[in-house]
């Protein structure tokens, strides 16, 4: 694998955190930065791909839409019910 070198500027606190993580995981700072960039790219590439795909679906004739109020009501109901929340159980 070919590698490239980049220079980045980090605020002092971020640099300290990076150094602590590198030391605690017995990895180099370069390794951790490379992993972080790869994860960031994967997430953002996936998100852009999905947005484009969903826009294509929304642009097709007969596409169905849900109102903001209906979505909000559904999520408020989920948040109000402790059974639907991870780590929460129904009171006995």
PDB file of N, CA and C in Angstrom:
ATOM      1  N   UNK A   1       0.840  -1.179   0.000  1.00  0.00           N
ATOM      2  CA  UNK A   1       0.000   0.000   0.000  1.00  0.00           C
ATOM      3  C   UNK A   1       0.881   1.236   0.000  1.00  0.00           C
ATOM      4  N   UNK A   2       0.607   2.129  -0.887  1.00  0.00           N
ATOM      5  CA  UNK A   2       1.328   3.395  -0.947  1.00  0.00           C
ATOM      6  C   UNK A   2       0.761   4.343   0.108  1.00  0.00           C
ATOM      7  N   UNK A   3       1.623   5.130   0.695  1.00  0.00           N
ATOM      8  CA  UNK A   3       1.152   6.074   1.716  1.00  0.00           C
ATOM      9  C   UNK A   3       1.493   7.488   1.304  1.00  0.00           C
ATOM     10  N   UNK A   4       0.705   8.417   1.818  1.00  0.00           N
ATOM     11  CA  UNK A   4       0.954   9.838   1.605  1.00  0.00           C
ATOM     12  C   UNK A   4       1.101  10.496   2.962  1.00  0.00           C
ATOM     13  N   UNK A   5       1.825  11.562   3.004  1.00  0.00           N
ATOM     14  CA  UNK A   5       2.032  12.298   4.238  1.00  0.00           C
ATOM     15  C   UNK A   5       1.258  13.598   4.168  1.00  0.00           C
ATOM     16  N   UNK A   6       0.542  13.895   5.256  1.00  0.00           N
ATOM     17  CA  UNK A   6      -0.205  15.144   5.367  1.00  0.00           C
ATOM     18  C   UNK A   6       0.205  15.834   6.651  1.00  0.00           C
ATOM     19  N   UNK A   7       0.091  17.122   6.647  1.00  0.00           N
ATOM     20  CA  UNK A   7       0.288  17.901   7.860  1.00  0.00           C
ATOM     21  C   UNK A   7      -1.077  18.418   8.284  1.00  0.00           C
ATOM     22  N   UNK A   8      -1.396  18.219   9.555  1.00  0.00           N
ATOM     23  CA  UNK A   8      -2.659  18.746  10.070  1.00  0.00           C
ATOM     24  C   UNK A   8      -2.385  19.603  11.293  1.00  0.00           C
ATOM     25  N   UNK A   9      -3.260  20.534  11.515  1.00  0.00           N
ATOM     26  CA  UNK A   9      -3.154  21.373  12.703  1.00  0.00           C
ATOM     27  C   UNK A   9      -4.250  20.966  13.669  1.00  0.00           C
ATOM     28  N   UNK A  10      -3.867  20.661  14.890  1.00  0.00           N
ATOM     29  CA  UNK A  10      -4.812  20.292  15.931  1.00  0.00           C
ATOM     30  C   UNK A  10      -4.696  21.278  17.076  1.00  0.00           C
ATOM     31  N   UNK A  11      -5.820  21.568  17.707  1.00  0.00           N
ATOM     32  CA  UNK A  11      -5.727  22.402  18.901  1.00  0.00           C
ATOM     33  C   UNK A  11      -5.026  21.577  19.978  1.00  0.00           C
ATOM     34  N   UNK A  12      -4.419  22.238  20.950  1.00  0.00           N
ATOM     35  CA  UNK A  12      -3.620  21.519  21.956  1.00  0.00           C
ATOM     36  C   UNK A  12      -4.392  20.425  22.700  1.00  0.00           C
ATOM     37  N   UNK A  13      -5.643  20.673  23.037  1.00  0.00           N
ATOM     38  CA  UNK A  13      -6.412  19.668  23.768  1.00  0.00           C
ATOM     39  C   UNK A  13      -6.660  18.429  22.917  1.00  0.00           C
ATOM     40  N   UNK A  14      -6.966  18.621  21.629  1.00  0.00           N
ATOM     41  CA  UNK A  14      -7.177  17.472  20.738  1.00  0.00           C
ATOM     42  C   UNK A  14      -5.891  16.683  20.588  1.00  0.00           C
ATOM     43  N   UNK A  15      -4.786  17.379  20.490  1.00  0.00           N
ATOM     44  CA  UNK A  15      -3.492  16.693  20.366  1.00  0.00           C
ATOM     45  C   UNK A  15      -3.200  15.866  21.623  1.00  0.00           C
ATOM     46  N   UNK A  16      -3.495  16.419  22.795  1.00  0.00           N
ATOM     47  CA  UNK A  16      -3.297  15.672  24.048  1.00  0.00           C
ATOM     48  C   UNK A  16      -4.182  14.429  24.082  1.00  0.00           C
ATOM     49  N   UNK A  17      -5.434  14.596  23.677  1.00  0.00           N
ATOM     50  CA  UNK A  17      -6.354  13.453  23.667  1.00  0.00           C
ATOM     51  C   UNK A  17      -5.873  12.382  22.696  1.00  0.00           C
ATOM     52  N   UNK A  18      -5.411  12.807  21.535  1.00  0.00           N
ATOM     53  CA  UNK A  18      -4.883  11.867  20.548  1.00  0.00           C
ATOM     54  C   UNK A  18      -3.689  11.120  21.117  1.00  0.00           C
ATOM     55  N   UNK A  19      -2.796  11.833  21.765  1.00  0.00           N
ATOM     56  CA  UNK A  19      -1.612  11.208  22.350  1.00  0.00           C
ATOM     57  C   UNK A  19      -2.003  10.210  23.432  1.00  0.00           C
ATOM     58  N   UNK A  20      -2.953  10.586  24.299  1.00  0.00           N
ATOM     59  CA  UNK A  20      -3.407   9.671  25.361  1.00  0.00           C
ATOM     60  C   UNK A  20      -4.021   8.409  24.770  1.00  0.00           C
ATOM     61  N   UNK A  21      -4.832   8.572  23.728  1.00  0.00           N
ATOM     62  CA  UNK A  21      -5.455   7.410  23.097  1.00  0.00           C
ATOM     63  C   UNK A  21      -4.406   6.512  22.454  1.00  0.00           C
ATOM     64  N   UNK A  22      -3.447   7.123  21.796  1.00  0.00           N
ATOM     65  CA  UNK A  22      -2.375   6.350  21.167  1.00  0.00           C
ATOM     66  C   UNK A  22      -1.611   5.540  22.214  1.00  0.00           C
ATOM     67  N   UNK A  23      -1.284   6.172  23.308  1.00  0.00           N
ATOM     68  CA  UNK A  23      -0.539   5.479  24.364  1.00  0.00           C
ATOM     69  C   UNK A  23      -1.369   4.373  25.005  1.00  0.00           C
ATOM     70  N   UNK A  24      -2.656   4.658  25.258  1.00  0.00           N
ATOM     71  CA  UNK A  24      -3.484   3.657  25.950  1.00  0.00           C
ATOM     72  C   UNK A  24      -3.840   2.475  25.061  1.00  0.00           C
ATOM     73  N   UNK A  25      -3.774   2.644  23.750  1.00  0.00           N
ATOM     74  CA  UNK A  25      -4.084   1.543  22.838  1.00  0.00           C
ATOM     75  C   UNK A  25      -2.840   0.931  22.217  1.00  0.00           C
ATOM     76  N   UNK A  26      -1.692   1.467  22.600  1.00  0.00           N
ATOM     77  CA  UNK A  26      -0.411   1.001  22.063  1.00  0.00           C
ATOM     78  C   UNK A  26      -0.395   1.088  20.537  1.00  0.00           C
ATOM     79  N   UNK A  27      -0.915   2.197  20.029  1.00  0.00           N
ATOM     80  CA  UNK A  27      -0.931   2.481  18.595  1.00  0.00           C
ATOM     81  C   UNK A  27      -0.259   3.826  18.362  1.00  0.00           C
ATOM     82  N   UNK A  28       0.120   4.069  17.139  1.00  0.00           N
ATOM     83  CA  UNK A  28       0.717   5.362  16.816  1.00  0.00           C
ATOM     84  C   UNK A  28      -0.396   6.383  16.578  1.00  0.00           C
ATOM     85  N   UNK A  29      -0.039   7.653  16.706  1.00  0.00           N
ATOM     86  CA  UNK A  29      -1.014   8.706  16.403  1.00  0.00           C
ATOM     87  C   UNK A  29      -1.430   8.617  14.938  1.00  0.00           C
ATOM     88  N   UNK A  30      -0.489   8.302  14.058  1.00  0.00           N
ATOM     89  CA  UNK A  30      -0.798   8.186  12.632  1.00  0.00           C
ATOM     90  C   UNK A  30      -1.823   7.082  12.397  1.00  0.00           C
ATOM     91  N   UNK A  31      -1.681   5.970  13.100  1.00  0.00           N
ATOM     92  CA  UNK A  31      -2.633   4.869  12.955  1.00  0.00           C
ATOM     93  C   UNK A  31      -4.032   5.323  13.358  1.00  0.00           C
ATOM     94  N   UNK A  32      -4.133   5.986  14.502  1.00  0.00           N
ATOM     95  CA  UNK A  32      -5.433   6.423  14.998  1.00  0.00           C
ATOM     96  C   UNK A  32      -6.055   7.453  14.055  1.00  0.00           C
ATOM     97  N   UNK A  33      -5.260   8.383  13.571  1.00  0.00           N
ATOM     98  CA  UNK A  33      -5.779   9.379  12.632  1.00  0.00           C
ATOM     99  C   UNK A  33      -6.242   8.704  11.353  1.00  0.00           C
ATOM    100  N   UNK A  34      -5.469   7.762  10.842  1.00  0.00           N
ATOM    101  CA  UNK A  34      -5.852   7.045   9.632  1.00  0.00           C
ATOM    102  C   UNK A  34      -7.173   6.299   9.834  1.00  0.00           C
ATOM    103  N   UNK A  35      -7.322   5.617  10.970  1.00  0.00           N
ATOM    104  CA  UNK A  35      -8.570   4.918  11.269  1.00  0.00           C
ATOM    105  C   UNK A  35      -9.739   5.892  11.354  1.00  0.00           C
ATOM    106  N   UNK A  36      -9.516   7.028  11.998  1.00  0.00           N
ATOM    107  CA  UNK A  36     -10.579   8.032  12.145  1.00  0.00           C
ATOM    108  C   UNK A  36     -11.003   8.590  10.788  1.00  0.00           C
ATOM    109  N   UNK A  37     -10.057   8.865   9.922  1.00  0.00           N
ATOM    110  CA  UNK A  37     -10.370   9.385   8.591  1.00  0.00           C
ATOM    111  C   UNK A  37     -11.124   8.340   7.787  1.00  0.00           C
ATOM    112  N   UNK A  38     -10.695   7.086   7.855  1.00  0.00           N
ATOM    113  CA  UNK A  38     -11.395   6.025   7.130  1.00  0.00           C
ATOM    114  C   UNK A  38     -12.842   5.894   7.599  1.00  0.00           C
ATOM    115  N   UNK A  39     -13.058   5.938   8.913  1.00  0.00           N
ATOM    116  CA  UNK A  39     -14.406   5.832   9.450  1.00  0.00           C
ATOM    117  C   UNK A  39     -15.254   7.037   9.019  1.00  0.00           C
ATOM    118  N   UNK A  40     -14.682   8.230   9.095  1.00  0.00           N
ATOM    119  CA  UNK A  40     -15.385   9.451   8.681  1.00  0.00           C
ATOM    120  C   UNK A  40     -15.799   9.352   7.216  1.00  0.00           C
ATOM    121  N   UNK A  41     -14.880   8.922   6.373  1.00  0.00           N
ATOM    122  CA  UNK A  41     -15.188   8.794   4.943  1.00  0.00           C
ATOM    123  C   UNK A  41     -16.277   7.760   4.706  1.00  0.00           C
ATOM    124  N   UNK A  42     -16.193   6.630   5.362  1.00  0.00           N
ATOM    125  CA  UNK A  42     -17.198   5.576   5.174  1.00  0.00           C
ATOM    126  C   UNK A  42     -18.588   6.074   5.558  1.00  0.00           C
ATOM    127  N   UNK A  43     -18.684   6.737   6.688  1.00  0.00           N
ATOM    128  CA  UNK A  43     -19.979   7.239   7.143  1.00  0.00           C
ATOM    129  C   UNK A  43     -20.520   8.285   6.176  1.00  0.00           C
ATOM    130  N   UNK A  44     -19.693   9.230   5.782  1.00  0.00           N
ATOM    131  CA  UNK A  44     -20.159  10.297   4.907  1.00  0.00           C
ATOM    132  C   UNK A  44     -20.439   9.821   3.495  1.00  0.00           C
ATOM    133  N   UNK A  45     -19.643   8.892   2.980  1.00  0.00           N
ATOM    134  CA  UNK A  45     -19.930   8.325   1.667  1.00  0.00           C
ATOM    135  C   UNK A  45     -21.262   7.592   1.679  1.00  0.00           C
ATOM    136  N   UNK A  46     -21.502   6.814   2.740  1.00  0.00           N
ATOM    137  CA  UNK A  46     -22.773   6.103   2.870  1.00  0.00           C
ATOM    138  C   UNK A  46     -23.930   7.106   2.937  1.00  0.00           C
ATOM    139  N   UNK A  47     -23.775   8.149   3.741  1.00  0.00           N
ATOM    140  CA  UNK A  47     -24.846   9.123   3.913  1.00  0.00           C
ATOM    141  C   UNK A  47     -25.188   9.814   2.595  1.00  0.00           C
ATOM    142  N   UNK A  48     -24.190  10.253   1.850  1.00  0.00           N
ATOM    143  CA  UNK A  48     -24.424  10.918   0.568  1.00  0.00           C
ATOM    144  C   UNK A  48     -25.096   9.965  -0.413  1.00  0.00           C
ATOM    145  N   UNK A  49     -24.626   8.713  -0.449  1.00  0.00           N
ATOM    146  CA  UNK A  49     -25.223   7.709  -1.336  1.00  0.00           C
ATOM    147  C   UNK A  49     -26.697   7.510  -1.001  1.00  0.00           C
ATOM    148  N   UNK A  50     -27.018   7.379   0.279  1.00  0.00           N
ATOM    149  CA  UNK A  50     -28.401   7.169   0.699  1.00  0.00           C
ATOM    150  C   UNK A  50     -29.275   8.390   0.415  1.00  0.00           C
ATOM    151  N   UNK A  51     -28.755   9.577   0.637  1.00  0.00           N
ATOM    152  CA  UNK A  51     -29.516  10.791   0.344  1.00  0.00           C
ATOM    153  C   UNK A  51     -29.860  10.844  -1.141  1.00  0.00           C
ATOM    154  N   UNK A  52     -28.874  10.589  -1.986  1.00  0.00           N
ATOM    155  CA  UNK A  52     -29.123  10.604  -3.434  1.00  0.00           C
ATOM    156  C   UNK A  52     -30.148   9.548  -3.826  1.00  0.00           C
ATOM    157  N   UNK A  53     -30.016   8.363  -3.248  1.00  0.00           N
ATOM    158  CA  UNK A  53     -30.950   7.278  -3.551  1.00  0.00           C
ATOM    159  C   UNK A  53     -32.369   7.660  -3.132  1.00  0.00           C
ATOM    160  N   UNK A  54     -32.516   8.204  -1.926  1.00  0.00           N
ATOM    161  CA  UNK A  54     -33.841   8.570  -1.422  1.00  0.00           C
ATOM    162  C   UNK A  54     -34.439   9.732  -2.222  1.00  0.00           C
ATOM    163  N   UNK A  55     -33.604  10.641  -2.697  1.00  0.00           N
ATOM    164  CA  UNK A  55     -34.104  11.724  -3.548  1.00  0.00           C
ATOM    165  C   UNK A  55     -34.626  11.173  -4.872  1.00  0.00           C
ATOM    166  N   UNK A  56     -33.937  10.176  -5.416  1.00  0.00           N
ATOM    167  CA  UNK A  56     -34.425   9.533  -6.642  1.00  0.00           C
ATOM    168  C   UNK A  56     -35.795   8.905  -6.408  1.00  0.00           C
ATOM    169  N   UNK A  57     -35.958   8.239  -5.284  1.00  0.00           N
ATOM    170  CA  UNK A  57     -37.247   7.620  -4.953  1.00  0.00           C
ATOM    171  C   UNK A  57     -38.318   8.700  -4.792  1.00  0.00           C
ATOM    172  N   UNK A  58     -37.989   9.782  -4.094  1.00  0.00           N
ATOM    173  CA  UNK A  58     -38.952  10.858  -3.846  1.00  0.00           C
ATOM    174  C   UNK A  58     -39.366  11.561  -5.132  1.00  0.00           C
ATOM    175  N   UNK A  59     -38.491  11.577  -6.116  1.00  0.00           N
ATOM    176  CA  UNK A  59     -38.793  12.247  -7.384  1.00  0.00           C
ATOM    177  C   UNK A  59     -39.649  11.406  -8.325  1.00  0.00           C
ATOM    178  N   UNK A  60     -39.855  10.134  -8.004  1.00  0.00           N
ATOM    179  CA  UNK A  60     -40.644   9.266  -8.885  1.00  0.00           C
ATOM    180  C   UNK A  60     -42.137   9.551  -8.711  1.00  0.00           C
ATOM    181  N   UNK A  61     -42.884   9.375  -9.773  1.00  0.00           N
ATOM    182  CA  UNK A  61     -44.336   9.554  -9.671  1.00  0.00           C
ATOM    183  C   UNK A  61     -44.919   8.590  -8.636  1.00  0.00           C
ATOM    184  N   UNK A  62     -45.868   9.069  -7.884  1.00  0.00           N
ATOM    185  CA  UNK A  62     -46.529   8.228  -6.890  1.00  0.00           C
ATOM    186  C   UNK A  62     -45.784   8.121  -5.576  1.00  0.00           C
ATOM    187  N   UNK A  63     -44.713   8.879  -5.418  1.00  0.00           N
ATOM    188  CA  UNK A  63     -43.953   8.831  -4.161  1.00  0.00           C
ATOM    189  C   UNK A  63     -44.868   9.269  -3.017  1.00  0.00           C
ATOM    190  N   UNK A  64     -44.745   8.588  -1.882  1.00  0.00           N
ATOM    191  CA  UNK A  64     -45.557   8.913  -0.703  1.00  0.00           C
ATOM    192  C   UNK A  64     -44.711   9.671   0.298  1.00  0.00           C
ATOM    193  N   UNK A  65     -45.323  10.652   0.931  1.00  0.00           N
ATOM    194  CA  UNK A  65     -44.625  11.468   1.913  1.00  0.00           C
ATOM    195  C   UNK A  65     -45.390  11.455   3.229  1.00  0.00           C
ATOM    196  N   UNK A  66     -44.656  11.621   4.322  1.00  0.00           N
ATOM    197  CA  UNK A  66     -45.246  11.693   5.655  1.00  0.00           C
ATOM    198  C   UNK A  66     -45.014  13.105   6.156  1.00  0.00           C
ATOM    199  N   UNK A  67     -46.035  13.679   6.771  1.00  0.00           N
ATOM    200  CA  UNK A  67     -45.906  15.054   7.258  1.00  0.00           C
ATOM    201  C   UNK A  67     -44.939  15.128   8.439  1.00  0.00           C
ATOM    202  N   UNK A  68     -44.373  16.284   8.616  1.00  0.00           N
ATOM    203  CA  UNK A  68     -43.464  16.517   9.733  1.00  0.00           C
ATOM    204  C   UNK A  68     -44.189  16.255  11.058  1.00  0.00           C
ATOM    205  N   UNK A  69     -45.435  16.690  11.144  1.00  0.00           N
ATOM    206  CA  UNK A  69     -46.206  16.527  12.372  1.00  0.00           C
ATOM    207  C   UNK A  69     -46.399  15.051  12.706  1.00  0.00           C
ATOM    208  N   UNK A  70     -46.666  14.214  11.687  1.00  0.00           N
ATOM    209  CA  UNK A  70     -46.846  12.781  11.923  1.00  0.00           C
ATOM    210  C   UNK A  70     -45.550  12.123  12.396  1.00  0.00           C
ATOM    211  N   UNK A  71     -44.439  12.488  11.792  1.00  0.00           N
ATOM    212  CA  UNK A  71     -43.144  11.939  12.206  1.00  0.00           C
ATOM    213  C   UNK A  71     -42.819  12.374  13.627  1.00  0.00           C
ATOM    214  N   UNK A  72     -43.032  13.648  13.906  1.00  0.00           N
ATOM    215  CA  UNK A  72     -42.746  14.181  15.242  1.00  0.00           C
ATOM    216  C   UNK A  72     -43.598  13.470  16.293  1.00  0.00           C
ATOM    217  N   UNK A  73     -44.888  13.281  16.011  1.00  0.00           N
ATOM    218  CA  UNK A  73     -45.773  12.614  16.956  1.00  0.00           C
ATOM    219  C   UNK A  73     -45.313  11.173  17.203  1.00  0.00           C
ATOM    220  N   UNK A  74     -44.907  10.492  16.151  1.00  0.00           N
ATOM    221  CA  UNK A  74     -44.451   9.106  16.312  1.00  0.00           C
ATOM    222  C   UNK A  74     -43.231   9.046  17.220  1.00  0.00           C
ATOM    223  N   UNK A  75     -42.247   9.934  16.996  1.00  0.00           N
ATOM    224  CA  UNK A  75     -41.027   9.902  17.790  1.00  0.00           C
ATOM    225  C   UNK A  75     -41.259  10.379  19.214  1.00  0.00           C
ATOM    226  N   UNK A  76     -42.143  11.336  19.392  1.00  0.00           N
ATOM    227  CA  UNK A  76     -42.458  11.764  20.761  1.00  0.00           C
ATOM    228  C   UNK A  76     -43.102  10.611  21.522  1.00  0.00           C
ATOM    229  N   UNK A  77     -43.942   9.835  20.842  1.00  0.00           N
ATOM    230  CA  UNK A  77     -44.542   8.666  21.471  1.00  0.00           C
ATOM    231  C   UNK A  77     -43.499   7.628  21.844  1.00  0.00           C
ATOM    232  N   UNK A  78     -42.535   7.404  20.968  1.00  0.00           N
ATOM    233  CA  UNK A  78     -41.466   6.447  21.259  1.00  0.00           C
ATOM    234  C   UNK A  78     -40.632   6.908  22.454  1.00  0.00           C
ATOM    235  N   UNK A  79     -40.329   8.193  22.498  1.00  0.00           N
ATOM    236  CA  UNK A  79     -39.518   8.715  23.598  1.00  0.00           C
ATOM    237  C   UNK A  79     -40.259   8.663  24.922  1.00  0.00           C
ATOM    238  N   UNK A  80     -41.570   8.772  24.875  1.00  0.00           N
ATOM    239  CA  UNK A  80     -42.367   8.757  26.098  1.00  0.00           C
ATOM    240  C   UNK A  80     -42.538   7.349  26.648  1.00  0.00           C
ATOM    241  N   UNK A  81     -42.411   6.318  25.826  1.00  0.00           N
ATOM    242  CA  UNK A  81     -42.619   4.940  26.251  1.00  0.00           C
ATOM    243  C   UNK A  81     -41.290   4.299  26.617  1.00  0.00           C
ATOM    244  N   UNK A  82     -41.034   4.044  27.909  1.00  0.00           N
ATOM    245  CA  UNK A  82     -39.733   3.500  28.314  1.00  0.00           C
ATOM    246  C   UNK A  82     -39.425   2.129  27.738  1.00  0.00           C
ATOM    247  N   UNK A  83     -40.418   1.381  27.296  1.00  0.00           N
ATOM    248  CA  UNK A  83     -40.175   0.057  26.732  1.00  0.00           C
ATOM    249  C   UNK A  83     -39.431   0.175  25.410  1.00  0.00           C
ATOM    250  N   UNK A  84     -39.705   1.226  24.655  1.00  0.00           N
ATOM    251  CA  UNK A  84     -39.067   1.407  23.352  1.00  0.00           C
ATOM    252  C   UNK A  84     -37.663   1.989  23.453  1.00  0.00           C
ATOM    253  N   UNK A  85     -37.232   2.354  24.648  1.00  0.00           N
ATOM    254  CA  UNK A  85     -35.920   2.971  24.803  1.00  0.00           C
ATOM    255  C   UNK A  85     -34.897   1.926  25.213  1.00  0.00           C
ATOM    256  N   UNK A  86     -33.737   1.917  24.554  1.00  0.00           N
ATOM    257  CA  UNK A  86     -32.695   0.947  24.910  1.00  0.00           C
ATOM    258  C   UNK A  86     -32.301   1.076  26.376  1.00  0.00           C
ATOM    259  N   UNK A  87     -32.155  -0.052  27.035  1.00  0.00           N
ATOM    260  CA  UNK A  87     -31.702  -0.053  28.422  1.00  0.00           C
ATOM    261  C   UNK A  87     -32.800   0.215  29.434  1.00  0.00           C
ATOM    262  N   UNK A  88     -34.013   0.458  28.970  1.00  0.00           N
ATOM    263  CA  UNK A  88     -35.121   0.746  29.877  1.00  0.00           C
ATOM    264  C   UNK A  88     -36.089  -0.427  29.870  1.00  0.00           C
ATOM    265  N   UNK A  89     -36.701  -0.672  31.022  1.00  0.00           N
ATOM    266  CA  UNK A  89     -37.680  -1.732  31.120  1.00  0.00           C
ATOM    267  C   UNK A  89     -38.998  -1.150  31.632  1.00  0.00           C
ATOM    268  N   UNK A  90     -40.083  -1.833  31.297  1.00  0.00           N
ATOM    269  CA  UNK A  90     -41.397  -1.401  31.749  1.00  0.00           C
ATOM    270  C   UNK A  90     -41.473  -1.556  33.263  1.00  0.00           C
ATOM    271  N   UNK A  91     -42.010  -0.554  33.965  1.00  0.00           N
ATOM    272  CA  UNK A  91     -42.158  -0.684  35.416  1.00  0.00           C
ATOM    273  C   UNK A  91     -43.067  -1.862  35.770  1.00  0.00           C
ATOM    274  N   UNK A  92     -42.760  -2.536  36.877  1.00  0.00           N
ATOM    275  CA  UNK A  92     -43.561  -3.708  37.278  1.00  0.00           C
ATOM    276  C   UNK A  92     -44.640  -3.312  38.239  1.00  0.00           C
TER     277      UNK A  92
END
